Amino acid sequence: MRAHSEITWGTEGHWSRKHCPSHQLIVPDCGPPTLIMSKNYMSRNDELRQGDSLTSNNGEWKAVFQEDTNFVIYGTKPVWASDTYGLDGIRLCLQDDCNLVMYNQRHQILWSTNSQ
């Protein structure tokens, strides 16, 4: 990923510069309501929480920060995964330097794209 002010999952499954509104849903969980985000881009300093996803404009591609802590990109089937299943990651952040980083509750880095 290159340094952009906003990074968008484009219609061809590539990152591109576009601006689209976010779509948010409140859904009940076994406890209080949980905010689930589904949009097609992340801006610098945005984050995904478990259950959040990015979906391409045409709906053919989806990047999901799953409840099992794995970050997975899907087409008609999984095409890539961060292999972080079972770790204690709670947030996936697009840092100011456009490095995508997964953190645990103690703010320790569990995984990153090592982008520069």
PDB file of N, CA and C in Angstrom:
ATOM      1  N   MET A   1       0.833  -1.173   0.000  1.00  0.00           N
ATOM      2  CA  MET A   1       0.000   0.000   0.000  1.00  0.00           C
ATOM      3  C   MET A   1       0.878   1.237   0.000  1.00  0.00           C
ATOM      4  N   ARG A   2       0.489   2.225  -0.761  1.00  0.00           N
ATOM      5  CA  ARG A   2       1.228   3.470  -0.816  1.00  0.00           C
ATOM      6  C   ARG A   2       0.588   4.477   0.126  1.00  0.00           C
ATOM      7  N   ALA A   3       1.351   5.506   0.434  1.00  0.00           N
ATOM      8  CA  ALA A   3       0.859   6.530   1.350  1.00  0.00           C
ATOM      9  C   ALA A   3      -0.167   7.413   0.653  1.00  0.00           C
ATOM     10  N   HIS A   4      -1.420   7.250   0.994  1.00  0.00           N
ATOM     11  CA  HIS A   4      -2.520   8.082   0.506  1.00  0.00           C
ATOM     12  C   HIS A   4      -3.257   8.617   1.722  1.00  0.00           C
ATOM     13  N   SER A   5      -3.949   9.701   1.548  1.00  0.00           N
ATOM     14  CA  SER A   5      -4.732  10.216   2.665  1.00  0.00           C
ATOM     15  C   SER A   5      -5.932   9.324   2.926  1.00  0.00           C
ATOM     16  N   GLU A   6      -6.478   8.720   1.893  1.00  0.00           N
ATOM     17  CA  GLU A   6      -7.537   7.748   2.070  1.00  0.00           C
ATOM     18  C   GLU A   6      -7.242   6.574   1.157  1.00  0.00           C
ATOM     19  N   ILE A   7      -7.427   5.379   1.645  1.00  0.00           N
ATOM     20  CA  ILE A   7      -7.172   4.183   0.858  1.00  0.00           C
ATOM     21  C   ILE A   7      -8.502   3.482   0.665  1.00  0.00           C
ATOM     22  N   THR A   8      -8.825   3.173  -0.573  1.00  0.00           N
ATOM     23  CA  THR A   8     -10.126   2.630  -0.930  1.00  0.00           C
ATOM     24  C   THR A   8      -9.973   1.281  -1.604  1.00  0.00           C
ATOM     25  N   TRP A   9     -10.861   0.371  -1.293  1.00  0.00           N
ATOM     26  CA  TRP A   9     -10.915  -0.909  -1.980  1.00  0.00           C
ATOM     27  C   TRP A   9     -11.720  -0.662  -3.243  1.00  0.00           C
ATOM     28  N   GLY A  10     -11.069  -0.640  -4.397  1.00  0.00           N
ATOM     29  CA  GLY A  10     -11.712  -0.278  -5.663  1.00  0.00           C
ATOM     30  C   GLY A  10     -12.494  -1.423  -6.278  1.00  0.00           C
ATOM     31  N   THR A  11     -13.132  -1.149  -7.398  1.00  0.00           N
ATOM     32  CA  THR A  11     -14.014  -2.130  -8.024  1.00  0.00           C
ATOM     33  C   THR A  11     -13.264  -3.324  -8.594  1.00  0.00           C
ATOM     34  N   GLU A  12     -11.994  -3.196  -8.860  1.00  0.00           N
ATOM     35  CA  GLU A  12     -11.222  -4.307  -9.412  1.00  0.00           C
ATOM     36  C   GLU A  12     -10.453  -5.062  -8.330  1.00  0.00           C
ATOM     37  N   GLY A  13     -10.718  -4.772  -7.064  1.00  0.00           N
ATOM     38  CA  GLY A  13     -10.022  -5.456  -5.987  1.00  0.00           C
ATOM     39  C   GLY A  13      -8.667  -4.870  -5.690  1.00  0.00           C
ATOM     40  N   HIS A  14      -8.404  -3.657  -6.129  1.00  0.00           N
ATOM     41  CA  HIS A  14      -7.141  -2.985  -5.867  1.00  0.00           C
ATOM     42  C   HIS A  14      -7.406  -1.767  -4.999  1.00  0.00           C
ATOM     43  N   TRP A  15      -6.371  -1.300  -4.297  1.00  0.00           N
ATOM     44  CA  TRP A  15      -6.506  -0.073  -3.517  1.00  0.00           C
ATOM     45  C   TRP A  15      -6.440   1.109  -4.470  1.00  0.00           C
ATOM     46  N   SER A  16      -7.302   2.082  -4.294  1.00  0.00           N
ATOM     47  CA  SER A  16      -7.318   3.257  -5.155  1.00  0.00           C
ATOM     48  C   SER A  16      -7.799   4.462  -4.361  1.00  0.00           C
ATOM     49  N   ARG A  17      -7.625   5.650  -4.934  1.00  0.00           N
ATOM     50  CA  ARG A  17      -8.083   6.864  -4.264  1.00  0.00           C
ATOM     51  C   ARG A  17      -9.517   7.156  -4.682  1.00  0.00           C
ATOM     52  N   LYS A  18     -10.443   7.023  -3.782  1.00  0.00           N
ATOM     53  CA  LYS A  18     -11.838   7.375  -4.002  1.00  0.00           C
ATOM     54  C   LYS A  18     -12.415   7.756  -2.656  1.00  0.00           C
ATOM     55  N   HIS A  19     -13.509   8.439  -2.678  1.00  0.00           N
ATOM     56  CA  HIS A  19     -14.183   8.812  -1.442  1.00  0.00           C
ATOM     57  C   HIS A  19     -15.619   8.300  -1.504  1.00  0.00           C
ATOM     58  N   CYS A  20     -15.995   7.494  -0.557  1.00  0.00           N
ATOM     59  CA  CYS A  20     -17.354   6.980  -0.484  1.00  0.00           C
ATOM     60  C   CYS A  20     -17.803   7.061   0.965  1.00  0.00           C
ATOM     61  N   PRO A  21     -19.085   7.240   1.185  1.00  0.00           N
ATOM     62  CA  PRO A  21     -19.566   7.324   2.566  1.00  0.00           C
ATOM     63  C   PRO A  21     -19.433   5.985   3.275  1.00  0.00           C
ATOM     64  N   SER A  22     -19.291   6.031   4.572  1.00  0.00           N
ATOM     65  CA  SER A  22     -19.260   4.785   5.340  1.00  0.00           C
ATOM     66  C   SER A  22     -20.693   4.365   5.641  1.00  0.00           C
ATOM     67  N   HIS A  23     -20.868   3.085   5.838  1.00  0.00           N
ATOM     68  CA  HIS A  23     -22.174   2.534   6.177  1.00  0.00           C
ATOM     69  C   HIS A  23     -21.996   1.812   7.498  1.00  0.00           C
ATOM     70  N   GLN A  24     -22.785   2.180   8.489  1.00  0.00           N
ATOM     71  CA  GLN A  24     -22.629   1.587   9.803  1.00  0.00           C
ATOM     72  C   GLN A  24     -23.957   1.001  10.257  1.00  0.00           C
ATOM     73  N   LEU A  25     -23.885  -0.117  10.930  1.00  0.00           N
ATOM     74  CA  LEU A  25     -25.063  -0.778  11.458  1.00  0.00           C
ATOM     75  C   LEU A  25     -24.870  -1.007  12.944  1.00  0.00           C
ATOM     76  N   ILE A  26     -25.925  -0.894  13.703  1.00  0.00           N
ATOM     77  CA  ILE A  26     -25.900  -1.303  15.097  1.00  0.00           C
ATOM     78  C   ILE A  26     -26.655  -2.627  15.154  1.00  0.00           C
ATOM     79  N   VAL A  27     -25.984  -3.667  15.622  1.00  0.00           N
ATOM     80  CA  VAL A  27     -26.627  -4.971  15.710  1.00  0.00           C
ATOM     81  C   VAL A  27     -26.506  -5.481  17.139  1.00  0.00           C
ATOM     82  N   PRO A  28     -27.538  -6.180  17.617  1.00  0.00           N
ATOM     83  CA  PRO A  28     -27.459  -6.686  18.984  1.00  0.00           C
ATOM     84  C   PRO A  28     -26.454  -7.818  19.092  1.00  0.00           C
ATOM     85  N   ASP A  29     -25.756  -7.856  20.198  1.00  0.00           N
ATOM     86  CA  ASP A  29     -24.849  -8.934  20.525  1.00  0.00           C
ATOM     87  C   ASP A  29     -25.419  -9.520  21.807  1.00  0.00           C
ATOM     88  N   CYS A  30     -24.801 -10.478  22.399  1.00  0.00           N
ATOM     89  CA  CYS A  30     -25.316 -11.044  23.642  1.00  0.00           C
ATOM     90  C   CYS A  30     -25.287 -10.036  24.781  1.00  0.00           C
ATOM     91  N   GLY A  31     -24.578  -8.946  24.596  1.00  0.00           N
ATOM     92  CA  GLY A  31     -24.530  -7.876  25.582  1.00  0.00           C
ATOM     93  C   GLY A  31     -25.100  -6.615  24.969  1.00  0.00           C
ATOM     94  N   PRO A  32     -24.474  -5.475  25.256  1.00  0.00           N
ATOM     95  CA  PRO A  32     -24.938  -4.216  24.678  1.00  0.00           C
ATOM     96  C   PRO A  32     -24.726  -4.201  23.167  1.00  0.00           C
ATOM     97  N   PRO A  33     -25.397  -3.273  22.442  1.00  0.00           N
ATOM     98  CA  PRO A  33     -25.231  -3.212  20.991  1.00  0.00           C
ATOM     99  C   PRO A  33     -23.773  -3.041  20.590  1.00  0.00           C
ATOM    100  N   THR A  34     -23.409  -3.630  19.461  1.00  0.00           N
ATOM    101  CA  THR A  34     -22.055  -3.577  18.931  1.00  0.00           C
ATOM    102  C   THR A  34     -22.079  -2.811  17.617  1.00  0.00           C
ATOM    103  N   LEU A  35     -21.145  -1.897  17.430  1.00  0.00           N
ATOM    104  CA  LEU A  35     -21.042  -1.166  16.181  1.00  0.00           C
ATOM    105  C   LEU A  35     -20.266  -2.013  15.184  1.00  0.00           C
ATOM    106  N   ILE A  36     -20.893  -2.336  14.073  1.00  0.00           N
ATOM    107  CA  ILE A  36     -20.251  -3.098  13.007  1.00  0.00           C
ATOM    108  C   ILE A  36     -20.078  -2.154  11.824  1.00  0.00           C
ATOM    109  N   MET A  37     -18.847  -2.008  11.365  1.00  0.00           N
ATOM    110  CA  MET A  37     -18.584  -1.104  10.249  1.00  0.00           C
ATOM    111  C   MET A  37     -18.420  -1.899   8.972  1.00  0.00           C
ATOM    112  N   SER A  38     -19.004  -1.388   7.919  1.00  0.00           N
ATOM    113  CA  SER A  38     -18.783  -1.937   6.592  1.00  0.00           C
ATOM    114  C   SER A  38     -18.699  -0.763   5.641  1.00  0.00           C
ATOM    115  N   LYS A  39     -17.522  -0.544   5.095  1.00  0.00           N
ATOM    116  CA  LYS A  39     -17.303   0.530   4.137  1.00  0.00           C
ATOM    117  C   LYS A  39     -16.258   0.046   3.154  1.00  0.00           C
ATOM    118  N   ASN A  40     -15.831   0.897   2.224  1.00  0.00           N
ATOM    119  CA  ASN A  40     -14.886   0.423   1.221  1.00  0.00           C
ATOM    120  C   ASN A  40     -13.539   1.119   1.300  1.00  0.00           C
ATOM    121  N   TYR A  41     -13.242   1.807   2.372  1.00  0.00           N
ATOM    122  CA  TYR A  41     -11.938   2.464   2.499  1.00  0.00           C
ATOM    123  C   TYR A  41     -11.566   2.654   3.963  1.00  0.00           C
ATOM    124  N   MET A  42     -10.285   2.882   4.176  1.00  0.00           N
ATOM    125  CA  MET A  42      -9.789   3.305   5.485  1.00  0.00           C
ATOM    126  C   MET A  42      -8.957   4.552   5.254  1.00  0.00           C
ATOM    127  N   SER A  43      -9.179   5.557   6.059  1.00  0.00           N
ATOM    128  CA  SER A  43      -8.343   6.756   6.033  1.00  0.00           C
ATOM    129  C   SER A  43      -7.196   6.555   7.012  1.00  0.00           C
ATOM    130  N   ARG A  44      -6.181   7.381   6.894  1.00  0.00           N
ATOM    131  CA  ARG A  44      -5.089   7.313   7.868  1.00  0.00           C
ATOM    132  C   ARG A  44      -5.660   7.458   9.271  1.00  0.00           C
ATOM    133  N   ASN A  45      -5.118   6.658  10.179  1.00  0.00           N
ATOM    134  CA  ASN A  45      -5.503   6.625  11.590  1.00  0.00           C
ATOM    135  C   ASN A  45      -6.885   6.026  11.835  1.00  0.00           C
ATOM    136  N   ASP A  46      -7.534   5.446  10.807  1.00  0.00           N
ATOM    137  CA  ASP A  46      -8.774   4.694  11.008  1.00  0.00           C
ATOM    138  C   ASP A  46      -8.418   3.325  11.565  1.00  0.00           C
ATOM    139  N   GLU A  47      -9.406   2.675  12.138  1.00  0.00           N
ATOM    140  CA  GLU A  47      -9.177   1.320  12.628  1.00  0.00           C
ATOM    141  C   GLU A  47     -10.401   0.459  12.408  1.00  0.00           C
ATOM    142  N   LEU A  48     -10.157  -0.833  12.335  1.00  0.00           N
ATOM    143  CA  LEU A  48     -11.209  -1.835  12.300  1.00  0.00           C
ATOM    144  C   LEU A  48     -11.158  -2.581  13.620  1.00  0.00           C
ATOM    145  N   ARG A  49     -12.316  -2.945  14.124  1.00  0.00           N
ATOM    146  CA  ARG A  49     -12.437  -3.803  15.305  1.00  0.00           C
ATOM    147  C   ARG A  49     -12.926  -5.164  14.830  1.00  0.00           C
ATOM    148  N   GLN A  50     -12.820  -6.168  15.676  1.00  0.00           N
ATOM    149  CA  GLN A  50     -13.279  -7.502  15.298  1.00  0.00           C
ATOM    150  C   GLN A  50     -14.718  -7.420  14.795  1.00  0.00           C
ATOM    151  N   GLY A  51     -14.968  -8.033  13.657  1.00  0.00           N
ATOM    152  CA  GLY A  51     -16.295  -8.015  13.045  1.00  0.00           C
ATOM    153  C   GLY A  51     -16.463  -6.939  11.989  1.00  0.00           C
ATOM    154  N   ASP A  52     -15.567  -5.954  11.940  1.00  0.00           N
ATOM    155  CA  ASP A  52     -15.632  -4.888  10.936  1.00  0.00           C
ATOM    156  C   ASP A  52     -15.100  -5.393   9.602  1.00  0.00           C
ATOM    157  N   SER A  53     -15.529  -4.749   8.516  1.00  0.00           N
ATOM    158  CA  SER A  53     -15.091  -5.178   7.190  1.00  0.00           C
ATOM    159  C   SER A  53     -15.019  -4.012   6.218  1.00  0.00           C
ATOM    160  N   LEU A  54     -14.320  -4.246   5.122  1.00  0.00           N
ATOM    161  CA  LEU A  54     -14.272  -3.340   3.976  1.00  0.00           C
ATOM    162  C   LEU A  54     -14.814  -4.129   2.796  1.00  0.00           C
ATOM    163  N   THR A  55     -15.696  -3.519   2.005  1.00  0.00           N
ATOM    164  CA  THR A  55     -16.296  -4.194   0.860  1.00  0.00           C
ATOM    165  C   THR A  55     -16.080  -3.361  -0.388  1.00  0.00           C
ATOM    166  N   SER A  56     -15.677  -4.002  -1.485  1.00  0.00           N
ATOM    167  CA  SER A  56     -15.453  -3.280  -2.742  1.00  0.00           C
ATOM    168  C   SER A  56     -16.760  -2.669  -3.237  1.00  0.00           C
ATOM    169  N   ASN A  57     -16.648  -1.657  -4.088  1.00  0.00           N
ATOM    170  CA  ASN A  57     -17.833  -0.979  -4.626  1.00  0.00           C
ATOM    171  C   ASN A  57     -18.786  -1.944  -5.320  1.00  0.00           C
ATOM    172  N   ASN A  58     -18.246  -2.944  -6.003  1.00  0.00           N
ATOM    173  CA  ASN A  58     -19.105  -3.887  -6.729  1.00  0.00           C
ATOM    174  C   ASN A  58     -19.522  -5.083  -5.872  1.00  0.00           C
ATOM    175  N   GLY A  59     -19.075  -5.127  -4.616  1.00  0.00           N
ATOM    176  CA  GLY A  59     -19.463  -6.189  -3.702  1.00  0.00           C
ATOM    177  C   GLY A  59     -18.760  -7.515  -3.917  1.00  0.00           C
ATOM    178  N   GLU A  60     -17.827  -7.583  -4.855  1.00  0.00           N
ATOM    179  CA  GLU A  60     -17.160  -8.855  -5.154  1.00  0.00           C
ATOM    180  C   GLU A  60     -16.005  -9.177  -4.215  1.00  0.00           C
ATOM    181  N   TRP A  61     -15.461  -8.188  -3.532  1.00  0.00           N
ATOM    182  CA  TRP A  61     -14.320  -8.378  -2.638  1.00  0.00           C
ATOM    183  C   TRP A  61     -14.673  -7.868  -1.258  1.00  0.00           C
ATOM    184  N   LYS A  62     -14.207  -8.583  -0.248  1.00  0.00           N
ATOM    185  CA  LYS A  62     -14.464  -8.167   1.128  1.00  0.00           C
ATOM    186  C   LYS A  62     -13.225  -8.462   1.966  1.00  0.00           C
ATOM    187  N   ALA A  63     -12.808  -7.488   2.762  1.00  0.00           N
ATOM    188  CA  ALA A  63     -11.708  -7.662   3.713  1.00  0.00           C
ATOM    189  C   ALA A  63     -12.326  -7.605   5.105  1.00  0.00           C
ATOM    190  N   VAL A  64     -12.160  -8.670   5.887  1.00  0.00           N
ATOM    191  CA  VAL A  64     -12.853  -8.804   7.170  1.00  0.00           C
ATOM    192  C   VAL A  64     -11.852  -8.999   8.300  1.00  0.00           C
ATOM    193  N   PHE A  65     -11.993  -8.203   9.370  1.00  0.00           N
ATOM    194  CA  PHE A  65     -11.256  -8.456  10.607  1.00  0.00           C
ATOM    195  C   PHE A  65     -12.175  -9.342  11.439  1.00  0.00           C
ATOM    196  N   GLN A  66     -11.963 -10.639  11.332  1.00  0.00           N
ATOM    197  CA  GLN A  66     -12.871 -11.627  11.899  1.00  0.00           C
ATOM    198  C   GLN A  66     -12.808 -11.678  13.422  1.00  0.00           C
ATOM    199  N   GLU A  67     -13.848 -12.255  14.013  1.00  0.00           N
ATOM    200  CA  GLU A  67     -13.932 -12.422  15.467  1.00  0.00           C
ATOM    201  C   GLU A  67     -12.810 -13.309  15.997  1.00  0.00           C
ATOM    202  N   ASP A  68     -12.236 -14.175  15.153  1.00  0.00           N
ATOM    203  CA  ASP A  68     -11.138 -15.055  15.575  1.00  0.00           C
ATOM    204  C   ASP A  68      -9.776 -14.369  15.442  1.00  0.00           C
ATOM    205  N   THR A  69      -9.771 -13.073  15.147  1.00  0.00           N
ATOM    206  CA  THR A  69      -8.596 -12.207  15.023  1.00  0.00           C
ATOM    207  C   THR A  69      -7.849 -12.378  13.704  1.00  0.00           C
ATOM    208  N   ASN A  70      -8.354 -13.173  12.786  1.00  0.00           N
ATOM    209  CA  ASN A  70      -7.728 -13.304  11.479  1.00  0.00           C
ATOM    210  C   ASN A  70      -8.264 -12.200  10.569  1.00  0.00           C
ATOM    211  N   PHE A  71      -7.384 -11.530   9.815  1.00  0.00           N
ATOM    212  CA  PHE A  71      -7.784 -10.536   8.819  1.00  0.00           C
ATOM    213  C   PHE A  71      -7.743 -11.243   7.475  1.00  0.00           C
ATOM    214  N   VAL A  72      -8.900 -11.340   6.805  1.00  0.00           N
ATOM    215  CA  VAL A  72      -9.022 -12.178   5.611  1.00  0.00           C
ATOM    216  C   VAL A  72      -9.633 -11.385   4.460  1.00  0.00           C
ATOM    217  N   ILE A  73      -9.089 -11.585   3.260  1.00  0.00           N
ATOM    218  CA  ILE A  73      -9.660 -11.002   2.046  1.00  0.00           C
ATOM    219  C   ILE A  73     -10.378 -12.116   1.296  1.00  0.00           C
ATOM    220  N   TYR A  74     -11.649 -11.859   0.973  1.00  0.00           N
ATOM    221  CA  TYR A  74     -12.495 -12.825   0.287  1.00  0.00           C
ATOM    222  C   TYR A  74     -12.885 -12.312  -1.093  1.00  0.00           C
ATOM    223  N   GLY A  75     -12.914 -13.223  -2.058  1.00  0.00           N
ATOM    224  CA  GLY A  75     -13.601 -13.034  -3.328  1.00  0.00           C
ATOM    225  C   GLY A  75     -14.800 -13.958  -3.219  1.00  0.00           C
ATOM    226  N   THR A  76     -14.859 -14.969  -4.065  1.00  0.00           N
ATOM    227  CA  THR A  76     -15.870 -16.013  -3.897  1.00  0.00           C
ATOM    228  C   THR A  76     -15.434 -17.014  -2.828  1.00  0.00           C
ATOM    229  N   LYS A  77     -14.147 -16.936  -2.450  1.00  0.00           N
ATOM    230  CA  LYS A  77     -13.581 -17.763  -1.384  1.00  0.00           C
ATOM    231  C   LYS A  77     -12.426 -16.969  -0.768  1.00  0.00           C
ATOM    232  N   PRO A  78     -11.876 -17.391   0.362  1.00  0.00           N
ATOM    233  CA  PRO A  78     -10.731 -16.667   0.937  1.00  0.00           C
ATOM    234  C   PRO A  78      -9.548 -16.688  -0.029  1.00  0.00           C
ATOM    235  N   VAL A  79      -8.946 -15.516  -0.274  1.00  0.00           N
ATOM    236  CA  VAL A  79      -7.797 -15.444  -1.182  1.00  0.00           C
ATOM    237  C   VAL A  79      -6.514 -15.042  -0.457  1.00  0.00           C
ATOM    238  N   TRP A  80      -6.631 -14.500   0.751  1.00  0.00           N
ATOM    239  CA  TRP A  80      -5.456 -14.106   1.533  1.00  0.00           C
ATOM    240  C   TRP A  80      -5.875 -13.987   2.987  1.00  0.00           C
ATOM    241  N   ALA A  81      -4.945 -14.308   3.907  1.00  0.00           N
ATOM    242  CA  ALA A  81      -5.212 -14.164   5.341  1.00  0.00           C
ATOM    243  C   ALA A  81      -3.942 -13.738   6.060  1.00  0.00           C
ATOM    244  N   SER A  82      -4.114 -13.032   7.161  1.00  0.00           N
ATOM    245  CA  SER A  82      -2.974 -12.564   7.958  1.00  0.00           C
ATOM    246  C   SER A  82      -2.383 -13.675   8.818  1.00  0.00           C
ATOM    247  N   ASP A  83      -3.054 -14.818   8.906  1.00  0.00           N
ATOM    248  CA  ASP A  83      -2.614 -15.946   9.742  1.00  0.00           C
ATOM    249  C   ASP A  83      -2.453 -15.540  11.201  1.00  0.00           C
ATOM    250  N   THR A  84      -3.388 -14.745  11.682  1.00  0.00           N
ATOM    251  CA  THR A  84      -3.369 -14.299  13.079  1.00  0.00           C
ATOM    252  C   THR A  84      -4.510 -14.932  13.872  1.00  0.00           C
ATOM    253  N   TYR A  85      -5.043 -16.050  13.379  1.00  0.00           N
ATOM    254  CA  TYR A  85      -6.123 -16.765  14.043  1.00  0.00           C
ATOM    255  C   TYR A  85      -5.754 -17.070  15.493  1.00  0.00           C
ATOM    256  N   GLY A  86      -6.666 -16.754  16.405  1.00  0.00           N
ATOM    257  CA  GLY A  86      -6.484 -17.108  17.803  1.00  0.00           C
ATOM    258  C   GLY A  86      -5.637 -16.161  18.625  1.00  0.00           C
ATOM    259  N   LEU A  87      -5.017 -15.168  18.004  1.00  0.00           N
ATOM    260  CA  LEU A  87      -4.260 -14.184  18.784  1.00  0.00           C
ATOM    261  C   LEU A  87      -5.246 -13.245  19.471  1.00  0.00           C
ATOM    262  N   ASP A  88      -4.760 -12.416  20.358  1.00  0.00           N
ATOM    263  CA  ASP A  88      -5.663 -11.551  21.122  1.00  0.00           C
ATOM    264  C   ASP A  88      -5.776 -10.144  20.531  1.00  0.00           C
ATOM    265  N   GLY A  89      -5.746 -10.042  19.197  1.00  0.00           N
ATOM    266  CA  GLY A  89      -5.871  -8.745  18.539  1.00  0.00           C
ATOM    267  C   GLY A  89      -7.255  -8.160  18.719  1.00  0.00           C
ATOM    268  N   ILE A  90      -7.298  -6.859  18.998  1.00  0.00           N
ATOM    269  CA  ILE A  90      -8.595  -6.206  19.171  1.00  0.00           C
ATOM    270  C   ILE A  90      -8.835  -5.088  18.169  1.00  0.00           C
ATOM    271  N   ARG A  91      -7.759  -4.592  17.521  1.00  0.00           N
ATOM    272  CA  ARG A  91      -7.959  -3.525  16.543  1.00  0.00           C
ATOM    273  C   ARG A  91      -6.902  -3.604  15.460  1.00  0.00           C
ATOM    274  N   LEU A  92      -7.306  -3.223  14.271  1.00  0.00           N
ATOM    275  CA  LEU A  92      -6.454  -3.196  13.092  1.00  0.00           C
ATOM    276  C   LEU A  92      -6.422  -1.748  12.636  1.00  0.00           C
ATOM    277  N   CYS A  93      -5.252  -1.105  12.710  1.00  0.00           N
ATOM    278  CA  CYS A  93      -5.134   0.338  12.479  1.00  0.00           C
ATOM    279  C   CYS A  93      -4.346   0.642  11.212  1.00  0.00           C
ATOM    280  N   LEU A  94      -4.856   1.596  10.430  1.00  0.00           N
ATOM    281  CA  LEU A  94      -4.093   2.138   9.314  1.00  0.00           C
ATOM    282  C   LEU A  94      -3.382   3.367   9.859  1.00  0.00           C
ATOM    283  N   GLN A  95      -2.104   3.205  10.154  1.00  0.00           N
ATOM    284  CA  GLN A  95      -1.334   4.278  10.785  1.00  0.00           C
ATOM    285  C   GLN A  95      -1.094   5.427   9.819  1.00  0.00           C
ATOM    286  N   ASP A  96      -0.606   6.522  10.350  1.00  0.00           N
ATOM    287  CA  ASP A  96      -0.332   7.715   9.558  1.00  0.00           C
ATOM    288  C   ASP A  96       0.647   7.428   8.422  1.00  0.00           C
ATOM    289  N   ASP A  97       1.558   6.453   8.612  1.00  0.00           N
ATOM    290  CA  ASP A  97       2.517   6.085   7.563  1.00  0.00           C
ATOM    291  C   ASP A  97       1.947   5.036   6.596  1.00  0.00           C
ATOM    292  N   CYS A  98       0.644   4.756   6.710  1.00  0.00           N
ATOM    293  CA  CYS A  98      -0.095   3.785   5.885  1.00  0.00           C
ATOM    294  C   CYS A  98       0.333   2.344   6.116  1.00  0.00           C
ATOM    295  N   ASN A  99       0.950   2.067   7.243  1.00  0.00           N
ATOM    296  CA  ASN A  99       1.240   0.707   7.660  1.00  0.00           C
ATOM    297  C   ASN A  99      -0.016   0.185   8.357  1.00  0.00           C
ATOM    298  N   LEU A 100      -0.513  -0.977   7.950  1.00  0.00           N
ATOM    299  CA  LEU A 100      -1.673  -1.596   8.572  1.00  0.00           C
ATOM    300  C   LEU A 100      -1.163  -2.478   9.706  1.00  0.00           C
ATOM    301  N   VAL A 101      -1.597  -2.200  10.938  1.00  0.00           N
ATOM    302  CA  VAL A 101      -1.033  -2.842  12.127  1.00  0.00           C
ATOM    303  C   VAL A 101      -2.146  -3.386  13.019  1.00  0.00           C
ATOM    304  N   MET A 102      -1.962  -4.620  13.518  1.00  0.00           N
ATOM    305  CA  MET A 102      -2.891  -5.215  14.468  1.00  0.00           C
ATOM    306  C   MET A 102      -2.308  -5.105  15.873  1.00  0.00           C
ATOM    307  N   TYR A 103      -3.128  -4.608  16.800  1.00  0.00           N
ATOM    308  CA  TYR A 103      -2.718  -4.438  18.195  1.00  0.00           C
ATOM    309  C   TYR A 103      -3.585  -5.285  19.113  1.00  0.00           C
ATOM    310  N   ASN A 104      -3.008  -5.667  20.265  1.00  0.00           N
ATOM    311  CA  ASN A 104      -3.795  -6.325  21.304  1.00  0.00           C
ATOM    312  C   ASN A 104      -4.202  -5.287  22.351  1.00  0.00           C
ATOM    313  N   GLN A 105      -4.862  -5.736  23.431  1.00  0.00           N
ATOM    314  CA  GLN A 105      -5.338  -4.812  24.469  1.00  0.00           C
ATOM    315  C   GLN A 105      -4.202  -4.094  25.182  1.00  0.00           C
ATOM    316  N   ARG A 106      -3.015  -4.676  25.179  1.00  0.00           N
ATOM    317  CA  ARG A 106      -1.859  -4.055  25.843  1.00  0.00           C
ATOM    318  C   ARG A 106      -1.098  -3.136  24.882  1.00  0.00           C
ATOM    319  N   HIS A 107      -1.708  -2.862  23.720  1.00  0.00           N
ATOM    320  CA  HIS A 107      -1.128  -1.982  22.694  1.00  0.00           C
ATOM    321  C   HIS A 107       0.170  -2.545  22.112  1.00  0.00           C
ATOM    322  N   GLN A 108       0.318  -3.874  22.141  1.00  0.00           N
ATOM    323  CA  GLN A 108       1.474  -4.534  21.538  1.00  0.00           C
ATOM    324  C   GLN A 108       1.136  -4.899  20.094  1.00  0.00           C
ATOM    325  N   ILE A 109       2.111  -4.785  19.213  1.00  0.00           N
ATOM    326  CA  ILE A 109       1.912  -5.127  17.806  1.00  0.00           C
ATOM    327  C   ILE A 109       1.941  -6.645  17.644  1.00  0.00           C
ATOM    328  N   LEU A 110       0.887  -7.188  17.021  1.00  0.00           N
ATOM    329  CA  LEU A 110       0.799  -8.620  16.751  1.00  0.00           C
ATOM    330  C   LEU A 110       1.111  -8.947  15.299  1.00  0.00           C
ATOM    331  N   TRP A 111       0.833  -7.997  14.405  1.00  0.00           N
ATOM    332  CA  TRP A 111       1.007  -8.216  12.972  1.00  0.00           C
ATOM    333  C   TRP A 111       1.026  -6.861  12.285  1.00  0.00           C
ATOM    334  N   SER A 112       1.759  -6.753  11.180  1.00  0.00           N
ATOM    335  CA  SER A 112       1.727  -5.513  10.393  1.00  0.00           C
ATOM    336  C   SER A 112       2.104  -5.810   8.949  1.00  0.00           C
ATOM    337  N   THR A 113       1.766  -4.879   8.069  1.00  0.00           N
ATOM    338  CA  THR A 113       2.119  -5.016   6.655  1.00  0.00           C
ATOM    339  C   THR A 113       3.553  -4.584   6.395  1.00  0.00           C
ATOM    340  N   ASN A 114       4.174  -3.914   7.348  1.00  0.00           N
ATOM    341  CA  ASN A 114       5.537  -3.391   7.198  1.00  0.00           C
ATOM    342  C   ASN A 114       5.671  -2.484   5.982  1.00  0.00           C
ATOM    343  N   SER A 115       4.604  -1.755   5.665  1.00  0.00           N
ATOM    344  CA  SER A 115       4.616  -0.808   4.540  1.00  0.00           C
ATOM    345  C   SER A 115       5.470   0.391   4.877  1.00  0.00           C
ATOM    346  N   GLN A 116       6.060   0.980   3.839  1.00  0.00           N
ATOM    347  CA  GLN A 116       6.841   2.201   4.046  1.00  0.00           C
ATOM    348  C   GLN A 116       6.579   3.176   2.943  1.00  0.00           C
TER     349      GLN A 116
END
